[in-house]
Protein backbone atom coordinates (compact mmCIF):
# COMPACT_ATOMS: atom_id res chain seq x y z
CA UNK A 1 -30.36 -5.95 -21.62
CA UNK A 2 -31.49 -2.45 -20.74
CA UNK A 3 -28.39 -0.43 -21.65
CA UNK A 4 -29.65 3.00 -20.44
CA UNK A 5 -30.49 1.55 -17.02
CA UNK A 6 -27.07 -0.09 -16.80
CA UNK A 7 -25.39 3.22 -17.65
CA UNK A 8 -27.51 5.04 -15.07
CA UNK A 9 -26.58 2.45 -12.43
CA UNK A 10 -22.87 2.93 -13.05
CA UNK A 11 -23.15 6.72 -13.00
CA UNK A 12 -24.96 6.61 -9.65
CA UNK A 13 -23.06 3.85 -7.86
CA UNK A 14 -19.48 3.55 -9.11
CA UNK A 15 -16.50 4.67 -7.06
CA UNK A 16 -14.57 7.58 -8.61
CA UNK A 17 -11.98 5.22 -10.13
CA UNK A 18 -14.53 2.99 -11.87
CA UNK A 19 -16.59 6.01 -12.88
CA UNK A 20 -13.56 7.61 -14.50
CA UNK A 21 -12.80 4.34 -16.27
CA UNK A 22 -16.39 4.07 -17.50
CA UNK A 23 -16.31 7.60 -18.87
CA UNK A 24 -12.99 6.94 -20.63
CA UNK A 25 -14.28 3.77 -22.24
CA UNK A 26 -17.79 4.83 -23.18
CA UNK A 27 -17.84 8.62 -23.33
CA UNK A 28 -14.32 9.60 -24.45
CA UNK A 29 -13.76 11.03 -20.98
CA UNK A 30 -10.40 12.49 -19.89
CA UNK A 31 -7.65 9.99 -19.16
CA UNK A 32 -6.22 12.36 -16.59
CA UNK A 33 -9.36 11.89 -14.49
CA UNK A 34 -8.68 8.15 -14.32
CA UNK A 35 -5.06 8.75 -13.31
CA UNK A 36 -6.11 11.15 -10.55
CA UNK A 37 -8.76 8.70 -9.32
CA UNK A 38 -6.06 6.04 -8.98
CA UNK A 39 -3.72 8.20 -6.87
CA UNK A 40 -5.33 7.47 -3.47
CA UNK A 41 -4.63 3.77 -4.02
CA UNK A 42 -0.89 4.18 -4.69
CA UNK A 43 1.55 3.94 -1.78
CA UNK A 44 4.84 5.81 -1.34
CA UNK A 45 6.72 2.65 -2.43
CA UNK A 46 4.98 2.91 -5.82
CA UNK A 47 2.77 -0.14 -5.44
CA UNK A 48 -1.00 -0.19 -5.05
CA UNK A 49 -3.28 -1.31 -2.22
CA UNK A 50 -6.22 0.17 -0.27
CA UNK A 51 -8.94 -2.09 -1.76
CA UNK A 52 -8.49 -1.03 -5.37
CA UNK A 53 -9.32 -4.71 -5.93
CA UNK A 54 -12.50 -4.73 -3.80
CA UNK A 55 -12.00 -8.27 -2.45
CA UNK A 56 -8.73 -7.35 -0.72
CA UNK A 57 -8.71 -4.42 1.72
CA UNK A 58 -5.00 -4.62 2.52
CA UNK A 59 -3.70 -1.02 2.41
CA UNK A 60 -0.16 -2.27 1.75
CA UNK A 61 1.17 -2.63 -1.77
CA UNK A 62 0.62 -6.01 -3.39
CA UNK A 63 1.61 -7.26 -6.84
CA UNK A 64 -1.96 -8.27 -7.69
CA UNK A 65 -3.35 -4.83 -6.78
CA UNK A 66 -0.56 -3.16 -8.75
CA UNK A 67 -1.56 -5.34 -11.69
CA UNK A 68 -5.13 -4.15 -11.20
CA UNK A 69 -3.92 -0.55 -11.50
CA UNK A 70 -2.05 -1.52 -14.66
CA UNK A 71 -5.28 -2.92 -16.11
CA UNK A 72 -7.15 0.34 -15.37
CA UNK A 73 -4.42 2.41 -17.01
CA UNK A 74 -3.94 0.22 -20.06
CA UNK A 75 -7.60 -0.43 -20.82
CA UNK A 76 -8.35 3.31 -20.88
CA UNK A 77 -5.27 4.25 -22.88
CA UNK A 78 -3.96 6.26 -19.92
CA UNK A 79 -0.76 4.27 -19.34
CA UNK A 80 1.39 6.48 -21.57
CA UNK A 81 0.17 9.61 -19.76
CA UNK A 82 0.77 8.35 -16.20
CA UNK A 83 4.52 8.97 -16.13
CA UNK A 84 5.06 9.58 -12.42
CA UNK A 85 2.59 6.88 -11.49
CA UNK A 86 4.15 4.27 -13.75
CA UNK A 87 7.63 5.17 -12.53
CA UNK A 88 6.42 4.37 -9.02
CA UNK A 89 5.04 1.05 -10.21
CA UNK A 90 8.38 0.17 -11.81
CA UNK A 91 10.19 1.09 -8.58
CA UNK A 92 7.93 -1.15 -6.48
CA UNK A 93 8.08 -4.10 -8.86
CA UNK A 94 11.89 -3.93 -9.14
CA UNK A 95 12.34 -3.67 -5.38
CA UNK A 96 12.12 -7.42 -4.80
CA UNK A 97 9.09 -7.11 -2.50
CA UNK A 98 6.58 -9.98 -2.60
CA UNK A 99 8.69 -11.87 -5.11
CA UNK A 100 9.93 -15.47 -5.15
CA UNK A 101 13.72 -15.33 -4.81
CA UNK A 102 14.59 -18.19 -7.15
CA UNK A 103 12.06 -17.67 -9.95
CA UNK A 104 11.64 -13.86 -9.77
CA UNK A 105 7.88 -14.39 -9.98
CA UNK A 106 5.61 -12.19 -7.86
CA UNK A 107 3.27 -13.74 -5.33
CA UNK A 108 -0.41 -13.24 -6.05
CA UNK A 109 -1.07 -13.08 -2.28
CA UNK A 110 0.98 -11.73 0.60
CA UNK A 111 0.89 -12.54 4.31
CA UNK A 112 -0.49 -9.17 5.48
CA UNK A 113 -3.69 -9.77 3.47
CA UNK A 114 -4.88 -11.79 6.47
CA UNK A 115 -4.78 -8.70 8.69
CA UNK A 116 -7.54 -6.91 6.78
CA UNK A 117 -10.95 -7.82 5.36
CA UNK A 118 -10.48 -10.11 2.39
CA UNK A 119 -11.85 -13.00 0.39
CA UNK A 120 -10.43 -16.40 1.29
CA UNK A 121 -8.47 -16.70 -1.97
CA UNK A 122 -6.22 -13.80 -0.93
CA UNK A 123 -4.75 -15.72 2.00
CA UNK A 124 -1.07 -16.50 1.50
CA UNK A 125 -0.09 -20.05 0.64
CA UNK A 126 3.17 -21.88 1.25
CA UNK A 127 6.22 -19.60 1.18
CA UNK A 128 8.37 -22.08 -0.73
CA UNK A 129 5.85 -22.77 -3.49
CA UNK A 130 6.86 -21.09 -6.77
CA UNK A 131 4.08 -18.70 -7.80
CA UNK A 132 2.13 -19.23 -11.00
CA UNK A 133 2.00 -16.64 -13.79
CA UNK A 134 -0.76 -14.55 -12.22
CA UNK A 135 0.20 -11.66 -12.18
CA UNK A 136 3.86 -12.19 -13.12
CA UNK A 137 3.50 -12.42 -16.89
CA UNK A 138 1.67 -9.09 -17.26
CA UNK A 139 3.88 -7.31 -14.71
CA UNK A 140 7.04 -8.58 -16.42
CA UNK A 141 5.68 -7.48 -19.82
CA UNK A 142 4.93 -4.05 -18.34
CA UNK A 143 8.54 -3.76 -17.10
CA UNK A 144 9.83 -4.76 -20.53
CA UNK A 145 7.69 -2.05 -22.10
CA UNK A 146 8.95 0.49 -19.58
CA UNK A 147 12.58 -0.43 -20.33
CA UNK A 148 13.30 -1.55 -16.75
CA UNK A 149 16.49 -3.48 -16.04
CA UNK A 150 16.12 -7.06 -14.88
CA UNK A 151 15.25 -10.56 -16.12
CA UNK A 152 11.85 -9.46 -17.36
CA UNK A 153 12.29 -10.44 -21.02
CA UNK A 154 13.31 -13.94 -19.97
CA UNK A 155 10.30 -14.20 -17.67
CA UNK A 156 7.92 -13.23 -20.47
CA UNK A 157 9.55 -15.73 -22.83
CA UNK A 158 9.39 -18.50 -20.22
CA UNK A 159 5.74 -17.76 -19.50
CA UNK A 160 4.61 -17.86 -23.13
CA UNK A 161 6.68 -20.95 -23.86
CA UNK A 162 4.81 -22.69 -21.07
CA UNK A 163 1.47 -21.42 -22.32
CA UNK A 164 2.13 -22.71 -25.82
CA UNK A 165 3.18 -26.10 -24.48
CA UNK A 166 0.62 -26.75 -21.75
CA UNK A 167 -2.02 -24.01 -21.77
CA UNK A 168 -3.15 -21.93 -18.79
CA UNK A 169 -5.64 -23.58 -16.39
CA UNK A 170 -6.48 -20.43 -14.45
CA UNK A 171 -8.96 -17.92 -15.82
CA UNK A 172 -7.35 -15.03 -13.96
CA UNK A 173 -3.90 -16.14 -15.05
CA UNK A 174 -5.06 -16.30 -18.64
CA UNK A 175 -6.22 -12.68 -18.41
CA UNK A 176 -2.64 -11.78 -17.44
CA UNK A 177 -1.34 -13.49 -20.58
CA UNK A 178 -3.87 -11.55 -22.65
CA UNK A 179 -2.76 -8.27 -21.08
CA UNK A 180 0.91 -9.13 -21.57
CA UNK A 181 0.38 -9.90 -25.26
CA UNK A 182 -1.47 -6.64 -25.82
CA UNK A 183 1.21 -4.66 -23.95
CA UNK A 184 3.96 -6.13 -26.13
CA UNK A 185 2.02 -5.24 -29.26
CA UNK A 186 1.15 -1.72 -28.08
CA UNK A 187 4.78 -0.91 -27.19
CA UNK A 188 6.38 -2.46 -30.25
CA UNK A 189 7.98 -5.41 -28.45
CA UNK A 190 6.63 -8.07 -30.82
CA UNK A 191 10.09 -9.49 -31.48
CA UNK A 192 10.35 -10.75 -27.91
CA UNK A 193 8.13 -13.78 -28.58
CA UNK A 194 6.28 -15.32 -31.52
CA UNK A 195 3.19 -13.15 -31.31
CA UNK A 196 1.20 -15.31 -33.72
CA UNK A 197 1.94 -18.53 -31.83
CA UNK A 198 1.20 -16.81 -28.51
CA UNK A 199 -2.08 -15.44 -29.86
CA UNK A 200 -3.15 -18.90 -30.98
CA UNK A 201 -2.18 -20.38 -27.58
CA UNK A 202 -4.30 -17.75 -25.84
CA UNK A 203 -7.25 -18.44 -28.14
CA UNK A 204 -6.98 -22.14 -27.40
CA UNK A 205 -6.80 -21.49 -23.65
CA UNK A 206 -9.79 -19.11 -23.81
CA UNK A 207 -11.85 -21.87 -25.39
CA UNK A 208 -10.66 -24.40 -22.82
CA UNK A 209 -11.32 -22.06 -19.88
CA UNK A 210 -14.84 -20.93 -20.73
CA UNK A 211 -17.53 -22.96 -19.00
CA UNK A 212 -19.64 -24.81 -21.57
CA UNK A 213 -22.60 -25.28 -19.16
CA UNK A 214 -24.48 -22.11 -20.02
CA UNK A 215 -27.09 -22.62 -17.31
CA UNK A 216 -24.40 -21.71 -14.79
CA UNK A 217 -23.73 -18.28 -16.31
CA UNK A 218 -24.34 -15.55 -13.76
CA UNK A 219 -25.47 -18.12 -11.19
CA UNK A 220 -22.20 -19.78 -10.25
CA UNK A 221 -18.66 -18.42 -10.24
CA UNK A 222 -17.60 -19.89 -13.57
CA UNK A 223 -15.61 -18.38 -16.45
CA UNK A 224 -18.03 -17.03 -19.06
CA UNK A 225 -17.26 -15.50 -22.47
CA UNK A 226 -17.49 -11.98 -21.00
CA UNK A 227 -14.55 -12.78 -18.69
CA UNK A 228 -12.24 -12.80 -21.69
CA UNK A 229 -13.99 -11.24 -24.69
CA UNK A 230 -14.92 -7.59 -24.35
CA UNK A 231 -14.92 -5.17 -27.23
CA UNK A 232 -13.06 -6.30 -30.35
CA UNK A 233 -10.83 -9.00 -28.95
CA UNK A 234 -7.87 -10.50 -30.85
CA UNK A 235 -8.41 -13.71 -28.88
CA UNK A 236 -11.80 -14.85 -30.21
CA UNK A 237 -11.55 -18.63 -30.70
CA UNK A 238 -13.44 -20.64 -33.31
CA UNK A 239 -16.62 -22.31 -32.16
CA UNK A 240 -17.34 -19.89 -29.34
CA UNK A 241 -20.23 -17.96 -30.89
CA UNK A 242 -23.01 -20.20 -29.44
CA UNK A 243 -21.65 -19.58 -25.93
CA UNK A 244 -21.39 -15.83 -26.56
CA UNK A 245 -24.97 -15.75 -27.80
CA UNK A 246 -26.15 -17.79 -24.81
CA UNK A 247 -24.56 -15.37 -22.35
CA UNK A 248 -25.92 -12.32 -24.17
CA UNK A 249 -29.42 -13.81 -24.15
CA UNK A 250 -29.16 -14.37 -20.42
CA UNK A 251 -28.10 -10.83 -19.55
CA UNK A 252 -31.68 -9.56 -19.52
CA UNK A 253 -32.60 -12.07 -16.81
CA UNK A 254 -29.50 -11.34 -14.76
CA UNK A 255 -29.87 -7.56 -14.84
CA UNK A 256 -31.28 -6.28 -11.54
CA UNK A 257 -34.18 -3.88 -11.10
CA UNK A 258 -31.76 -1.03 -10.43
CA UNK A 259 -30.08 -1.64 -13.79
CA UNK A 260 -26.90 -3.18 -12.40
CA UNK A 261 -25.51 -6.70 -12.33
CA UNK A 262 -24.51 -8.63 -9.23
CA UNK A 263 -21.48 -10.73 -8.33
CA UNK A 264 -21.70 -14.52 -8.14
CA UNK A 265 -19.31 -15.26 -5.27
CA UNK A 266 -18.88 -15.06 -1.50
CA UNK A 267 -15.78 -14.29 0.55
CA UNK A 268 -15.89 -17.34 2.87
CA UNK A 269 -14.26 -15.25 5.60
CA UNK A 270 -15.91 -13.66 8.70
CA UNK A 271 -16.23 -10.16 7.23
CA UNK A 272 -19.89 -9.96 6.31
CA UNK A 273 -20.27 -6.19 6.64
CA UNK A 274 -17.15 -5.53 4.62
CA UNK A 275 -18.21 -8.11 2.05
CA UNK A 276 -21.44 -6.22 1.46
CA UNK A 277 -19.45 -3.02 0.91
CA UNK A 278 -17.11 -4.83 -1.49
CA UNK A 279 -20.14 -6.19 -3.31
CA UNK A 280 -21.43 -2.63 -3.75
CA UNK A 281 -18.05 -1.64 -5.20
CA UNK A 282 -17.96 -4.68 -7.46
CA UNK A 283 -21.41 -4.29 -8.98
CA UNK A 284 -20.55 -1.25 -11.17
CA UNK A 285 -17.40 -3.06 -12.32
CA UNK A 286 -19.38 -6.14 -13.29
CA UNK A 287 -22.02 -3.98 -14.98
CA UNK A 288 -19.33 -2.22 -17.03
CA UNK A 289 -17.91 -5.62 -18.00
CA UNK A 290 -21.32 -6.74 -19.25
CA UNK A 291 -21.80 -3.51 -21.19
CA UNK A 292 -18.48 -3.97 -22.97
CA UNK A 293 -19.37 -7.58 -23.75
CA UNK A 294 -22.87 -6.70 -24.92
CA UNK A 295 -21.46 -4.23 -27.40
């Protein structure tokens, strides 16, 4: 992998928000710059929209896009400095919007997604179907860490009890469990769950989720080691090193002439022009992910 070319690609092509994140992660850049870059994506209700997640152009606040903002803030260490922004997030999440009434879980998709360019997986499913833990577990953990009133501790406990019993079949959902665990540790909330048992359950689920057919890495939309293991991860499972090495060996072939990496999915909706724009936004994100994985 040509690291200098990858860095140059990100510097030239990333949106301001991803560029600020890159500089925080790799160049000790200012956290305030990341917070300011996130502001255009936050709505007056405190939630986030406006294609922060490039596959969903809904300008309205959605739980999944608000979770994406949480990821940006936490990964860069900017969460503790984003007081007004995080207060808005708490207000939106506690409002009851886009939340299942009986279970208190947030929906990963909302109906208005259909009104704007989007990937097919952001189309709303059945209203009466209880949502899974994506993004509820990480959003509930965030609210616990922020001291918000509500049934958030119970939600986190329920989520991790289920993970320890049955595992998490969804790669994206598993990332939410990983974020939730790290939030609880960072904010001193380890007594809420058995952190050691939860950590082991996440490790087990990481191993189960990662595709073992290495020839598909970067070619098909399959979970690879870099989906879950970037930097020094506390969730590295035993027996995964051969898959990590296989993906790292393949990065040189997958890196494009311009130094960046490409996405491995389509939208499957009639928004080809917008998809190409989303792809351009995604490529610096994916390139940054590969850089963090490559080490």
